């Protein structure tokens, strides 16, 4: 084993802290996107949706707020958020060998 390959196996404390902080931020990002997505999919279709101050501001906002197409668009954004969170999970779960295969293509 050469000296260069031995150096690549040694991880400095700064790199270890950086790696853990990156993992923590990824987990926070995944949880946030997942929760936001689930909220946007479910909440516009509940009865609580119409009982808020935004729907009573002006008549045109109230009409928009109760419009099923607007609710569907928000649910679509929820699906996009869930897709983002799942793609981030699968991206981070990929093994280093798979990452090397993809980078060599």
N, C-alpha and C. Protein backbone atom coordinates (compact mmCIF):
# COMPACT_ATOMS: atom_id res chain seq x y z
N UNK A 1 0.86 -1.17 0.00
CA UNK A 1 0.00 0.00 0.00
C UNK A 1 0.90 1.23 0.00
N UNK A 2 0.63 2.14 -0.89
CA UNK A 2 1.47 3.33 -1.00
C UNK A 2 1.11 4.35 0.07
N UNK A 3 1.99 5.31 0.24
CA UNK A 3 1.78 6.35 1.25
C UNK A 3 0.58 7.20 0.90
N UNK A 4 0.38 7.47 -0.39
CA UNK A 4 -0.76 8.29 -0.81
C UNK A 4 -2.08 7.61 -0.51
N UNK A 5 -2.16 6.29 -0.71
CA UNK A 5 -3.41 5.60 -0.42
C UNK A 5 -3.65 5.51 1.08
N UNK A 6 -2.56 5.45 1.89
CA UNK A 6 -2.72 5.45 3.34
C UNK A 6 -3.23 6.81 3.80
N UNK A 7 -2.75 7.89 3.21
CA UNK A 7 -3.23 9.22 3.58
C UNK A 7 -4.70 9.40 3.26
N UNK A 8 -5.16 8.80 2.18
CA UNK A 8 -6.57 8.94 1.81
C UNK A 8 -7.48 8.20 2.78
N UNK A 9 -6.95 7.21 3.51
CA UNK A 9 -7.75 6.47 4.48
C UNK A 9 -7.88 7.21 5.80
N UNK A 10 -6.98 8.12 6.09
CA UNK A 10 -6.99 8.86 7.34
C UNK A 10 -7.95 10.05 7.21
N UNK A 11 -8.86 10.17 8.16
CA UNK A 11 -9.83 11.26 8.14
C UNK A 11 -9.48 12.23 9.26
N UNK A 12 -9.33 13.48 8.91
CA UNK A 12 -9.03 14.48 9.93
C UNK A 12 -10.28 14.78 10.74
N UNK A 13 -10.11 15.31 11.96
CA UNK A 13 -11.28 15.63 12.79
C UNK A 13 -12.18 16.68 12.14
N UNK A 14 -11.59 17.61 11.40
CA UNK A 14 -12.39 18.63 10.72
C UNK A 14 -13.28 18.00 9.65
N UNK A 15 -12.71 17.03 8.91
CA UNK A 15 -13.49 16.34 7.88
C UNK A 15 -14.61 15.52 8.51
N UNK A 16 -14.33 14.90 9.64
CA UNK A 16 -15.36 14.09 10.32
C UNK A 16 -16.50 14.99 10.80
N UNK A 17 -16.17 16.16 11.36
CA UNK A 17 -17.21 17.09 11.81
C UNK A 17 -18.01 17.61 10.62
N UNK A 18 -17.32 17.90 9.55
CA UNK A 18 -17.99 18.39 8.35
C UNK A 18 -18.94 17.33 7.79
N UNK A 19 -18.49 16.08 7.80
CA UNK A 19 -19.32 14.99 7.30
C UNK A 19 -20.58 14.83 8.15
N UNK A 20 -20.45 14.90 9.47
CA UNK A 20 -21.61 14.78 10.34
C UNK A 20 -22.55 15.97 10.18
N UNK A 21 -22.00 17.15 10.03
CA UNK A 21 -22.88 18.31 9.86
C UNK A 21 -23.62 18.24 8.53
N UNK A 22 -22.96 17.74 7.48
CA UNK A 22 -23.65 17.58 6.20
C UNK A 22 -24.76 16.55 6.32
N UNK A 23 -24.50 15.47 7.01
CA UNK A 23 -25.54 14.44 7.20
C UNK A 23 -26.72 14.99 8.00
N UNK A 24 -26.41 15.77 9.04
CA UNK A 24 -27.47 16.35 9.85
C UNK A 24 -28.34 17.29 9.02
N UNK A 25 -27.71 18.14 8.22
CA UNK A 25 -28.48 19.07 7.38
C UNK A 25 -29.29 18.32 6.33
N UNK A 26 -28.76 17.22 5.82
CA UNK A 26 -29.53 16.42 4.86
C UNK A 26 -30.75 15.80 5.52
N UNK A 27 -30.59 15.30 6.73
CA UNK A 27 -31.72 14.71 7.45
C UNK A 27 -32.77 15.78 7.73
N UNK A 28 -32.34 16.95 8.17
CA UNK A 28 -33.28 18.05 8.43
C UNK A 28 -34.01 18.43 7.15
N UNK A 29 -33.28 18.50 6.04
CA UNK A 29 -33.89 18.85 4.76
C UNK A 29 -34.91 17.81 4.32
N UNK A 30 -34.57 16.54 4.47
CA UNK A 30 -35.48 15.45 4.08
C UNK A 30 -36.74 15.49 4.94
N UNK A 31 -36.59 15.66 6.24
CA UNK A 31 -37.75 15.69 7.13
C UNK A 31 -38.63 16.90 6.82
N UNK A 32 -38.01 18.05 6.58
CA UNK A 32 -38.77 19.26 6.26
C UNK A 32 -39.56 19.07 4.97
N UNK A 33 -38.91 18.58 3.92
CA UNK A 33 -39.61 18.40 2.64
C UNK A 33 -40.72 17.36 2.75
N UNK A 34 -40.47 16.31 3.49
CA UNK A 34 -41.49 15.26 3.66
C UNK A 34 -42.70 15.79 4.42
N UNK A 35 -42.47 16.51 5.51
CA UNK A 35 -43.58 17.05 6.29
C UNK A 35 -44.34 18.10 5.51
N UNK A 36 -43.63 18.97 4.81
CA UNK A 36 -44.29 19.99 4.01
C UNK A 36 -45.11 19.35 2.89
N UNK A 37 -44.57 18.33 2.27
CA UNK A 37 -45.30 17.64 1.21
C UNK A 37 -46.56 16.98 1.71
N UNK A 38 -46.46 16.28 2.83
CA UNK A 38 -47.65 15.64 3.40
C UNK A 38 -48.70 16.67 3.79
N UNK A 39 -48.25 17.78 4.36
CA UNK A 39 -49.17 18.85 4.74
C UNK A 39 -49.89 19.41 3.52
N UNK A 40 -49.13 19.68 2.44
CA UNK A 40 -49.73 20.27 1.25
C UNK A 40 -50.64 19.30 0.50
N UNK A 41 -50.41 18.03 0.66
CA UNK A 41 -51.30 17.05 0.01
C UNK A 41 -52.62 16.93 0.77
N UNK A 42 -52.56 16.91 2.09
CA UNK A 42 -53.75 16.60 2.89
C UNK A 42 -54.54 17.84 3.29
N UNK A 43 -53.88 18.87 3.79
CA UNK A 43 -54.59 19.98 4.44
C UNK A 43 -55.54 20.76 3.54
N UNK A 44 -55.24 21.03 2.27
CA UNK A 44 -56.21 21.78 1.46
C UNK A 44 -57.56 21.10 1.30
N UNK A 45 -57.64 19.82 1.55
CA UNK A 45 -58.89 19.10 1.36
C UNK A 45 -59.67 18.90 2.66
N UNK A 46 -59.14 19.41 3.78
CA UNK A 46 -59.84 19.29 5.06
C UNK A 46 -60.80 20.47 5.24
N UNK A 47 -61.75 20.32 6.18
CA UNK A 47 -62.71 21.39 6.47
C UNK A 47 -62.04 22.61 7.09
N UNK A 48 -60.91 22.42 7.74
CA UNK A 48 -60.20 23.53 8.38
C UNK A 48 -59.67 24.53 7.36
N UNK A 49 -59.55 24.11 6.10
CA UNK A 49 -58.97 24.95 5.06
C UNK A 49 -59.75 26.26 4.88
N UNK A 50 -61.06 26.21 4.97
CA UNK A 50 -61.88 27.40 4.76
C UNK A 50 -61.99 28.29 5.98
N UNK A 51 -61.63 27.78 7.15
CA UNK A 51 -61.75 28.55 8.39
C UNK A 51 -60.46 29.26 8.73
N UNK A 52 -60.11 30.28 7.97
CA UNK A 52 -58.91 31.05 8.26
C UNK A 52 -59.10 32.48 7.79
N UNK A 53 -58.19 33.34 8.16
CA UNK A 53 -58.33 34.75 7.83
C UNK A 53 -57.95 35.07 6.39
N UNK A 54 -57.18 34.22 5.74
CA UNK A 54 -56.78 34.49 4.35
C UNK A 54 -58.00 34.41 3.43
N UNK A 55 -58.86 33.44 3.66
CA UNK A 55 -60.03 33.26 2.80
C UNK A 55 -61.02 34.40 2.93
N UNK A 56 -60.98 35.18 4.01
CA UNK A 56 -61.94 36.25 4.22
C UNK A 56 -61.37 37.63 3.93
N UNK A 57 -60.16 37.73 3.40
CA UNK A 57 -59.57 39.05 3.15
C UNK A 57 -60.35 39.82 2.09
N UNK A 58 -60.46 39.28 0.93
CA UNK A 58 -61.23 39.89 -0.16
C UNK A 58 -62.03 38.79 -0.85
N UNK A 59 -63.07 39.18 -1.58
CA UNK A 59 -63.89 38.14 -2.23
C UNK A 59 -63.12 37.29 -3.24
N UNK A 60 -62.24 37.90 -4.03
CA UNK A 60 -61.54 37.11 -5.04
C UNK A 60 -60.54 36.15 -4.42
N UNK A 61 -59.94 36.51 -3.29
CA UNK A 61 -59.03 35.57 -2.60
C UNK A 61 -59.83 34.41 -2.02
N UNK A 62 -61.02 34.70 -1.49
CA UNK A 62 -61.87 33.64 -0.96
C UNK A 62 -62.30 32.65 -2.03
N UNK A 63 -62.64 33.19 -3.22
CA UNK A 63 -63.00 32.31 -4.33
C UNK A 63 -61.83 31.44 -4.75
N UNK A 64 -60.66 32.05 -4.86
CA UNK A 64 -59.45 31.31 -5.23
C UNK A 64 -59.13 30.26 -4.17
N UNK A 65 -59.28 30.64 -2.92
CA UNK A 65 -58.94 29.76 -1.81
C UNK A 65 -59.80 28.50 -1.80
N UNK A 66 -61.07 28.63 -2.20
CA UNK A 66 -62.00 27.49 -2.21
C UNK A 66 -62.01 26.75 -3.54
N UNK A 67 -61.31 27.22 -4.52
CA UNK A 67 -61.29 26.62 -5.84
C UNK A 67 -60.58 25.26 -5.79
N UNK A 68 -61.22 24.20 -6.31
CA UNK A 68 -60.59 22.87 -6.27
C UNK A 68 -59.31 22.79 -7.11
N UNK A 69 -59.21 23.60 -8.16
CA UNK A 69 -57.99 23.59 -8.97
C UNK A 69 -56.80 24.16 -8.19
N UNK A 70 -57.06 25.19 -7.39
CA UNK A 70 -56.02 25.76 -6.55
C UNK A 70 -55.58 24.75 -5.49
N UNK A 71 -56.55 24.07 -4.91
CA UNK A 71 -56.23 23.04 -3.92
C UNK A 71 -55.43 21.90 -4.57
N UNK A 72 -55.80 21.54 -5.78
CA UNK A 72 -55.07 20.49 -6.49
C UNK A 72 -53.65 20.92 -6.82
N UNK A 73 -53.48 22.20 -7.17
CA UNK A 73 -52.13 22.71 -7.45
C UNK A 73 -51.27 22.64 -6.19
N UNK A 74 -51.84 22.99 -5.06
CA UNK A 74 -51.08 22.89 -3.80
C UNK A 74 -50.75 21.43 -3.48
N UNK A 75 -51.68 20.53 -3.74
CA UNK A 75 -51.39 19.11 -3.52
C UNK A 75 -50.30 18.62 -4.47
N UNK A 76 -50.29 19.15 -5.69
CA UNK A 76 -49.22 18.83 -6.63
C UNK A 76 -47.86 19.29 -6.13
N UNK A 77 -47.83 20.47 -5.53
CA UNK A 77 -46.57 20.93 -4.91
C UNK A 77 -46.16 20.01 -3.76
N UNK A 78 -47.14 19.48 -3.06
CA UNK A 78 -46.83 18.51 -2.00
C UNK A 78 -46.20 17.25 -2.55
N UNK A 79 -46.70 16.79 -3.68
CA UNK A 79 -46.12 15.60 -4.32
C UNK A 79 -44.68 15.89 -4.75
N UNK A 80 -44.44 17.09 -5.27
CA UNK A 80 -43.08 17.47 -5.67
C UNK A 80 -42.16 17.49 -4.45
N UNK A 81 -42.62 17.99 -3.32
CA UNK A 81 -41.81 18.00 -2.11
C UNK A 81 -41.48 16.60 -1.63
N UNK A 82 -42.44 15.70 -1.69
CA UNK A 82 -42.17 14.32 -1.29
C UNK A 82 -41.18 13.68 -2.25
N UNK A 83 -41.31 13.96 -3.54
CA UNK A 83 -40.36 13.43 -4.52
C UNK A 83 -38.94 13.94 -4.22
N UNK A 84 -38.82 15.21 -3.89
CA UNK A 84 -37.50 15.78 -3.56
C UNK A 84 -36.92 15.09 -2.34
N UNK A 85 -37.73 14.87 -1.31
CA UNK A 85 -37.20 14.24 -0.10
C UNK A 85 -36.79 12.79 -0.36
N UNK A 86 -37.59 12.06 -1.13
CA UNK A 86 -37.22 10.67 -1.42
C UNK A 86 -35.99 10.58 -2.32
N UNK A 87 -35.88 11.49 -3.28
CA UNK A 87 -34.69 11.46 -4.14
C UNK A 87 -33.44 11.80 -3.34
N UNK A 88 -33.56 12.68 -2.36
CA UNK A 88 -32.41 12.99 -1.51
C UNK A 88 -32.03 11.79 -0.64
N UNK A 89 -33.02 11.06 -0.17
CA UNK A 89 -32.73 9.85 0.62
C UNK A 89 -32.00 8.82 -0.23
N UNK A 90 -32.50 8.58 -1.44
CA UNK A 90 -31.87 7.58 -2.30
C UNK A 90 -30.50 8.05 -2.79
N UNK A 91 -30.32 9.36 -2.95
CA UNK A 91 -29.03 9.87 -3.38
C UNK A 91 -27.98 9.69 -2.29
N UNK A 92 -28.36 9.87 -1.06
CA UNK A 92 -27.40 9.72 0.03
C UNK A 92 -27.19 8.25 0.42
N UNK A 93 -28.14 7.39 0.09
CA UNK A 93 -28.01 5.97 0.43
C UNK A 93 -27.18 5.20 -0.59
N UNK A 94 -26.85 5.84 -1.70
CA UNK A 94 -26.08 5.18 -2.74
C UNK A 94 -24.68 4.86 -2.21
N UNK A 95 -24.18 3.70 -2.52
CA UNK A 95 -22.86 3.29 -2.03
C UNK A 95 -21.76 4.05 -2.76
N UNK A 96 -20.57 4.18 -2.14
CA UNK A 96 -19.47 4.87 -2.80
C UNK A 96 -19.06 4.23 -4.13
N UNK A 97 -19.20 2.90 -4.25
CA UNK A 97 -18.86 2.24 -5.50
C UNK A 97 -19.81 2.69 -6.62
N UNK A 98 -21.09 2.84 -6.29
CA UNK A 98 -22.04 3.31 -7.29
C UNK A 98 -21.75 4.75 -7.70
N UNK A 99 -21.32 5.57 -6.74
CA UNK A 99 -20.98 6.96 -7.06
C UNK A 99 -19.79 7.01 -8.01
N UNK A 100 -18.83 6.12 -7.79
CA UNK A 100 -17.67 6.10 -8.67
C UNK A 100 -18.04 5.64 -10.07
N UNK A 101 -18.97 4.67 -10.18
CA UNK A 101 -19.42 4.21 -11.49
C UNK A 101 -20.10 5.33 -12.25
N UNK A 102 -20.95 6.10 -11.54
CA UNK A 102 -21.67 7.18 -12.20
C UNK A 102 -20.71 8.31 -12.61
N UNK A 103 -19.70 8.57 -11.78
CA UNK A 103 -18.80 9.67 -12.11
C UNK A 103 -17.88 9.31 -13.27
N UNK A 104 -17.65 8.01 -13.50
CA UNK A 104 -16.77 7.61 -14.60
C UNK A 104 -17.49 7.60 -15.94
N UNK A 105 -18.83 7.68 -15.90
CA UNK A 105 -19.60 7.66 -17.17
C UNK A 105 -19.52 8.94 -17.84
